[in-house]
Amino acid sequence: MELAYLAAGLGAGLVVIGAGIGIGKLAASAMEATGRQPEATGDIRTSMIIAAALIEGAALFGLVICILLAIKA
């Protein structure tokens, strides 16, 4: 039972790390694109926000799964 809590905690940590890396790469690419083509800043920002929301949604789903596994054990 204690190992289930440990596994859920490790899983949640991995989900957060993965989401952070994904959003970091997304923002870096968006900043580079804005630097290359400043007139498209609005479109780039909109696309970046939509992609970041999708990454956060996937991360939230992963965290919910980890919490459910911890509660069930």
C-alpha atoms as a PDB file:
ATOM      1  CA  MET A   1       0.000   0.000   0.000  1.00  0.00           C
ATOM      2  CA  GLU A   2       2.827   2.419   0.833  1.00  0.00           C
ATOM      3  CA  LEU A   3       4.418   1.682  -2.531  1.00  0.00           C
ATOM      4  CA  ALA A   4       1.212   2.756  -4.267  1.00  0.00           C
ATOM      5  CA  TYR A   5       1.500   6.196  -2.667  1.00  0.00           C
ATOM      6  CA  LEU A   6       5.155   6.385  -3.684  1.00  0.00           C
ATOM      7  CA  ALA A   7       4.327   5.378  -7.251  1.00  0.00           C
ATOM      8  CA  ALA A   8       1.521   7.954  -7.431  1.00  0.00           C
ATOM      9  CA  GLY A   9       3.863  10.654  -6.144  1.00  0.00           C
ATOM     10  CA  LEU A  10       6.587   9.737  -8.613  1.00  0.00           C
ATOM     11  CA  GLY A  11       4.059   9.623 -11.442  1.00  0.00           C
ATOM     12  CA  ALA A  12       2.721  13.054 -10.531  1.00  0.00           C
ATOM     13  CA  GLY A  13       6.252  14.426 -10.426  1.00  0.00           C
ATOM     14  CA  LEU A  14       7.042  13.011 -13.850  1.00  0.00           C
ATOM     15  CA  VAL A  15       3.838  14.486 -15.261  1.00  0.00           C
ATOM     16  CA  VAL A  16       4.717  17.950 -13.953  1.00  0.00           C
ATOM     17  CA  ILE A  17       8.310  17.715 -15.213  1.00  0.00           C
ATOM     18  CA  GLY A  18       7.115  16.602 -18.645  1.00  0.00           C
ATOM     19  CA  ALA A  19       4.581  19.417 -18.871  1.00  0.00           C
ATOM     20  CA  GLY A  20       7.194  21.961 -17.805  1.00  0.00           C
ATOM     21  CA  ILE A  21       9.667  20.776 -20.433  1.00  0.00           C
ATOM     22  CA  GLY A  22       6.957  20.769 -23.104  1.00  0.00           C
ATOM     23  CA  ILE A  23       5.763  24.283 -22.334  1.00  0.00           C
ATOM     24  CA  GLY A  24       9.362  25.505 -22.100  1.00  0.00           C
ATOM     25  CA  LYS A  25      10.167  24.176 -25.573  1.00  0.00           C
ATOM     26  CA  LEU A  26       6.908  25.616 -26.882  1.00  0.00           C
ATOM     27  CA  ALA A  27       7.683  29.072 -25.513  1.00  0.00           C
ATOM     28  CA  ALA A  28      11.262  28.968 -26.817  1.00  0.00           C
ATOM     29  CA  SER A  29      10.020  28.099 -30.301  1.00  0.00           C
ATOM     30  CA  ALA A  30       7.390  30.829 -30.170  1.00  0.00           C
ATOM     31  CA  MET A  31       9.961  33.434 -29.112  1.00  0.00           C
ATOM     32  CA  GLU A  32      12.270  32.355 -31.944  1.00  0.00           C
ATOM     33  CA  ALA A  33       9.422  32.537 -34.452  1.00  0.00           C
ATOM     34  CA  THR A  34       8.454  35.992 -33.187  1.00  0.00           C
ATOM     35  CA  GLY A  35      12.042  37.146 -33.563  1.00  0.00           C
ATOM     36  CA  ARG A  36      12.181  35.871 -37.136  1.00  0.00           C
ATOM     37  CA  GLN A  37       8.785  37.240 -38.161  1.00  0.00           C
ATOM     38  CA  PRO A  38       7.612  40.050 -35.839  1.00  0.00           C
ATOM     39  CA  GLU A  39       4.537  40.856 -37.930  1.00  0.00           C
ATOM     40  CA  ALA A  40       3.039  37.439 -37.088  1.00  0.00           C
ATOM     41  CA  THR A  41       3.304  37.926 -33.311  1.00  0.00           C
ATOM     42  CA  GLY A  42      -0.456  37.767 -32.712  1.00  0.00           C
ATOM     43  CA  ASP A  43      -0.940  34.522 -34.619  1.00  0.00           C
ATOM     44  CA  ILE A  44       2.107  32.944 -32.994  1.00  0.00           C
ATOM     45  CA  ARG A  45       0.900  33.947 -29.517  1.00  0.00           C
ATOM     46  CA  THR A  46      -2.568  32.521 -30.166  1.00  0.00           C
ATOM     47  CA  SER A  47      -1.148  29.221 -31.387  1.00  0.00           C
ATOM     48  CA  MET A  48       1.230  29.078 -28.416  1.00  0.00           C
ATOM     49  CA  ILE A  49      -1.565  29.627 -25.901  1.00  0.00           C
ATOM     50  CA  ILE A  50      -3.732  26.926 -27.496  1.00  0.00           C
ATOM     51  CA  ALA A  51      -0.850  24.441 -27.512  1.00  0.00           C
ATOM     52  CA  ALA A  52       0.052  25.282 -23.899  1.00  0.00           C
ATOM     53  CA  ALA A  53      -3.564  24.684 -22.869  1.00  0.00           C
ATOM     54  CA  LEU A  54      -3.504  21.269 -24.547  1.00  0.00           C
ATOM     55  CA  ILE A  55      -0.278  20.375 -22.726  1.00  0.00           C
ATOM     56  CA  GLU A  56      -1.752  21.499 -19.412  1.00  0.00           C
ATOM     57  CA  GLY A  57      -4.886  19.451 -20.083  1.00  0.00           C
ATOM     58  CA  ALA A  58      -2.836  16.330 -20.672  1.00  0.00           C
ATOM     59  CA  ALA A  59      -0.813  17.045 -17.523  1.00  0.00           C
ATOM     60  CA  LEU A  60      -3.985  17.509 -15.486  1.00  0.00           C
ATOM     61  CA  PHE A  61      -5.318  14.209 -16.814  1.00  0.00           C
ATOM     62  CA  GLY A  62      -2.092  12.476 -15.751  1.00  0.00           C
ATOM     63  CA  LEU A  63      -2.292  14.010 -12.268  1.00  0.00           C
ATOM     64  CA  VAL A  64      -5.900  12.907 -11.863  1.00  0.00           C
ATOM     65  CA  ILE A  65      -4.922   9.352 -12.810  1.00  0.00           C
ATOM     66  CA  CYS A  66      -2.123   9.416 -10.214  1.00  0.00           C
ATOM     67  CA  ILE A  67      -4.504  10.685  -7.528  1.00  0.00           C
ATOM     68  CA  LEU A  68      -7.100   8.050  -8.390  1.00  0.00           C
ATOM     69  CA  LEU A  69      -4.469   5.322  -8.176  1.00  0.00           C
ATOM     70  CA  ALA A  70      -3.334   6.606  -4.782  1.00  0.00           C
ATOM     71  CA  ILE A  71      -6.895   6.752  -3.435  1.00  0.00           C
ATOM     72  CA  LYS A  72      -7.786   3.285  -4.744  1.00  0.00           C
ATOM     73  CA  ALA A  73      -4.763   1.617  -3.104  1.00  0.00           C
END
